[in-house]
Amino acid sequence: MLLSEGQMSDYKGAALMLHALPGAKVLLGDRGYDANWFRTALTQRKITACIPSKANRKVPIPHDAALYRQRHKIEIMFGRLKDWRRIHTRYDRCAHTFMSAICIAATVIFWLNQ
């Protein structure tokens, strides 16, 4: 898990976590992860990228639209985390305290949804 600054772009954060990716068949990502170097790195790790192309890409790269629709589950989880006021407004100044709050909130959300 990586906690980055708010101004960092998605694919720069992905570069920092590329070595820590678990063995997976497919990676679902939004348009922020559409970069040639990232797709190449995923291909070298034998991971299929399900990332829609950015609007400014001259030749769009096709993706599995049916699989991409499953991303809503990830977005719902982020929405539930942001229901916690402490996380939404980022009260904590220290990164480790903020990450601890995220872990506690995720645990409670998981426990309540069983």
C-alpha atoms as a PDB file:
ATOM      1  CA  MET A   1       0.000   0.000   0.000  1.00  0.00           C
ATOM      2  CA  LEU A   2       1.311   3.440  -0.916  1.00  0.00           C
ATOM      3  CA  LEU A   3       0.184   6.723   0.565  1.00  0.00           C
ATOM      4  CA  SER A   4       1.249   9.514  -1.783  1.00  0.00           C
ATOM      5  CA  GLU A   5       0.824  13.244  -1.798  1.00  0.00           C
ATOM      6  CA  GLY A   6      -2.402  14.582  -3.253  1.00  0.00           C
ATOM      7  CA  GLN A   7      -0.713  16.291  -6.186  1.00  0.00           C
ATOM      8  CA  MET A   8       1.074  13.164  -7.451  1.00  0.00           C
ATOM      9  CA  SER A   9      -0.313  11.810 -10.715  1.00  0.00           C
ATOM     10  CA  ASP A  10      -1.652   8.277 -10.838  1.00  0.00           C
ATOM     11  CA  TYR A  11       0.950   6.792 -13.105  1.00  0.00           C
ATOM     12  CA  LYS A  12       3.861   8.234 -11.073  1.00  0.00           C
ATOM     13  CA  GLY A  13       2.438   6.497  -8.016  1.00  0.00           C
ATOM     14  CA  ALA A  14       2.083   3.330 -10.070  1.00  0.00           C
ATOM     15  CA  ALA A  15       5.782   3.504 -10.955  1.00  0.00           C
ATOM     16  CA  LEU A  16       6.626   3.428  -7.249  1.00  0.00           C
ATOM     17  CA  MET A  17       4.436   0.372  -6.662  1.00  0.00           C
ATOM     18  CA  LEU A  18       5.220  -1.586  -9.821  1.00  0.00           C
ATOM     19  CA  HIS A  19       7.709  -3.879  -8.079  1.00  0.00           C
ATOM     20  CA  ALA A  20       5.165  -4.690  -5.338  1.00  0.00           C
ATOM     21  CA  LEU A  21       2.302  -5.749  -7.620  1.00  0.00           C
ATOM     22  CA  PRO A  22       1.020  -9.202  -6.721  1.00  0.00           C
ATOM     23  CA  GLY A  23       0.774 -11.902  -9.334  1.00  0.00           C
ATOM     24  CA  ALA A  24      -2.447 -11.133 -11.193  1.00  0.00           C
ATOM     25  CA  LYS A  25      -3.853 -11.834 -14.618  1.00  0.00           C
ATOM     26  CA  VAL A  26      -5.517  -8.449 -15.193  1.00  0.00           C
ATOM     27  CA  LEU A  27      -5.068  -4.946 -13.810  1.00  0.00           C
ATOM     28  CA  LEU A  28      -8.086  -2.637 -13.840  1.00  0.00           C
ATOM     29  CA  GLY A  29      -7.193   1.039 -13.987  1.00  0.00           C
ATOM     30  CA  ASP A  30      -8.761   4.321 -14.995  1.00  0.00           C
ATOM     31  CA  ARG A  31      -7.542   6.677 -17.705  1.00  0.00           C
ATOM     32  CA  GLY A  32      -4.944   8.156 -15.355  1.00  0.00           C
ATOM     33  CA  TYR A  33      -2.874   4.987 -15.758  1.00  0.00           C
ATOM     34  CA  ASP A  34      -2.832   5.110 -19.571  1.00  0.00           C
ATOM     35  CA  ALA A  35       0.875   5.354 -20.377  1.00  0.00           C
ATOM     36  CA  ASN A  36       2.904   3.281 -22.834  1.00  0.00           C
ATOM     37  CA  TRP A  37       5.683   2.561 -20.324  1.00  0.00           C
ATOM     38  CA  PHE A  38       3.136   1.338 -17.759  1.00  0.00           C
ATOM     39  CA  ARG A  39       1.430  -0.960 -20.252  1.00  0.00           C
ATOM     40  CA  THR A  40       4.830  -2.318 -21.304  1.00  0.00           C
ATOM     41  CA  ALA A  41       5.839  -2.948 -17.677  1.00  0.00           C
ATOM     42  CA  LEU A  42       2.578  -4.825 -17.079  1.00  0.00           C
ATOM     43  CA  THR A  43       3.085  -6.903 -20.216  1.00  0.00           C
ATOM     44  CA  GLN A  44       6.589  -7.854 -19.058  1.00  0.00           C
ATOM     45  CA  ARG A  45       5.043  -9.118 -15.806  1.00  0.00           C
ATOM     46  CA  LYS A  46       2.428 -11.064 -17.851  1.00  0.00           C
ATOM     47  CA  ILE A  47      -0.427  -8.863 -16.602  1.00  0.00           C
ATOM     48  CA  THR A  48      -3.145  -7.778 -19.019  1.00  0.00           C
ATOM     49  CA  ALA A  49      -3.988  -4.082 -18.751  1.00  0.00           C
ATOM     50  CA  CYS A  50      -7.684  -3.207 -18.753  1.00  0.00           C
ATOM     51  CA  ILE A  51      -7.220   0.544 -18.995  1.00  0.00           C
ATOM     52  CA  PRO A  52      -9.264   2.776 -21.309  1.00  0.00           C
ATOM     53  CA  SER A  53      -7.257   5.107 -23.533  1.00  0.00           C
ATOM     54  CA  LYS A  54      -6.996   8.802 -22.775  1.00  0.00           C
ATOM     55  CA  ALA A  55      -8.960  11.119 -25.035  1.00  0.00           C
ATOM     56  CA  ASN A  56      -5.807  12.640 -26.503  1.00  0.00           C
ATOM     57  CA  ARG A  57      -4.306   9.298 -27.616  1.00  0.00           C
ATOM     58  CA  LYS A  58      -4.040   9.294 -31.421  1.00  0.00           C
ATOM     59  CA  VAL A  59      -4.636   5.561 -31.772  1.00  0.00           C
ATOM     60  CA  PRO A  60      -6.924   4.303 -28.996  1.00  0.00           C
ATOM     61  CA  ILE A  61      -5.992   0.994 -27.396  1.00  0.00           C
ATOM     62  CA  PRO A  62      -8.998  -1.318 -26.972  1.00  0.00           C
ATOM     63  CA  HIS A  63      -9.953  -2.631 -23.535  1.00  0.00           C
ATOM     64  CA  ASP A  64     -12.485  -5.134 -22.192  1.00  0.00           C
ATOM     65  CA  ALA A  65     -15.496  -2.909 -21.443  1.00  0.00           C
ATOM     66  CA  ALA A  66     -17.404  -5.674 -19.630  1.00  0.00           C
ATOM     67  CA  LEU A  67     -14.493  -6.284 -17.262  1.00  0.00           C
ATOM     68  CA  TYR A  68     -13.897  -2.556 -16.800  1.00  0.00           C
ATOM     69  CA  ARG A  69     -17.458  -2.141 -15.485  1.00  0.00           C
ATOM     70  CA  GLN A  70     -16.389  -4.115 -12.402  1.00  0.00           C
ATOM     71  CA  ARG A  71     -14.289  -1.101 -11.315  1.00  0.00           C
ATOM     72  CA  HIS A  72     -17.359   0.371  -9.638  1.00  0.00           C
ATOM     73  CA  LYS A  73     -16.723  -1.924  -6.676  1.00  0.00           C
ATOM     74  CA  ILE A  74     -13.401  -0.174  -6.058  1.00  0.00           C
ATOM     75  CA  GLU A  75     -15.008   3.263  -6.381  1.00  0.00           C
ATOM     76  CA  ILE A  76     -17.746   2.281  -3.921  1.00  0.00           C
ATOM     77  CA  MET A  77     -15.103   1.275  -1.365  1.00  0.00           C
ATOM     78  CA  PHE A  78     -13.345   4.642  -1.707  1.00  0.00           C
ATOM     79  CA  GLY A  79     -16.718   6.345  -1.283  1.00  0.00           C
ATOM     80  CA  ARG A  80     -17.360   4.395   1.916  1.00  0.00           C
ATOM     81  CA  LEU A  81     -13.945   5.359   3.262  1.00  0.00           C
ATOM     82  CA  LYS A  82     -14.700   9.000   2.562  1.00  0.00           C
ATOM     83  CA  ASP A  83     -17.866   8.713   4.658  1.00  0.00           C
ATOM     84  CA  TRP A  84     -15.493   8.780   7.611  1.00  0.00           C
ATOM     85  CA  ARG A  85     -14.985  12.462   8.366  1.00  0.00           C
ATOM     86  CA  ARG A  86     -11.464  11.982   9.680  1.00  0.00           C
ATOM     87  CA  ILE A  87     -10.372  10.418   6.374  1.00  0.00           C
ATOM     88  CA  HIS A  88     -12.365  12.710   4.099  1.00  0.00           C
ATOM     89  CA  THR A  89     -10.884  15.900   5.578  1.00  0.00           C
ATOM     90  CA  ARG A  90      -7.493  14.326   6.445  1.00  0.00           C
ATOM     91  CA  TYR A  91      -7.268  15.551  10.016  1.00  0.00           C
ATOM     92  CA  ASP A  92      -4.042  13.661  10.667  1.00  0.00           C
ATOM     93  CA  ARG A  93      -0.822  15.431   9.809  1.00  0.00           C
ATOM     94  CA  CYS A  94       1.411  12.380   9.943  1.00  0.00           C
ATOM     95  CA  ALA A  95       1.189   9.852   7.126  1.00  0.00           C
ATOM     96  CA  HIS A  96       1.412   6.844   9.464  1.00  0.00           C
ATOM     97  CA  THR A  97      -1.495   8.123  11.577  1.00  0.00           C
ATOM     98  CA  PHE A  98      -3.592   8.763   8.478  1.00  0.00           C
ATOM     99  CA  MET A  99      -2.810   5.281   7.135  1.00  0.00           C
ATOM    100  CA  SER A 100      -3.796   3.804  10.506  1.00  0.00           C
ATOM    101  CA  ALA A 101      -7.156   5.596  10.324  1.00  0.00           C
ATOM    102  CA  ILE A 102      -7.704   4.209   6.818  1.00  0.00           C
ATOM    103  CA  CYS A 103      -6.923   0.673   8.007  1.00  0.00           C
ATOM    104  CA  ILE A 104      -9.301   0.952  10.974  1.00  0.00           C
ATOM    105  CA  ALA A 105     -12.081   2.352   8.766  1.00  0.00           C
ATOM    106  CA  ALA A 106     -11.574  -0.370   6.140  1.00  0.00           C
ATOM    107  CA  THR A 107     -11.697  -3.059   8.828  1.00  0.00           C
ATOM    108  CA  VAL A 108     -14.944  -1.698  10.292  1.00  0.00           C
ATOM    109  CA  ILE A 109     -16.519  -1.347   6.830  1.00  0.00           C
ATOM    110  CA  PHE A 110     -15.554  -4.926   6.004  1.00  0.00           C
ATOM    111  CA  TRP A 111     -16.872  -6.197   9.348  1.00  0.00           C
ATOM    112  CA  LEU A 112     -20.210  -4.385   8.960  1.00  0.00           C
ATOM    113  CA  ASN A 113     -20.780  -5.726   5.438  1.00  0.00           C
ATOM    114  CA  GLN A 114     -20.459  -9.410   6.313  1.00  0.00           C
END
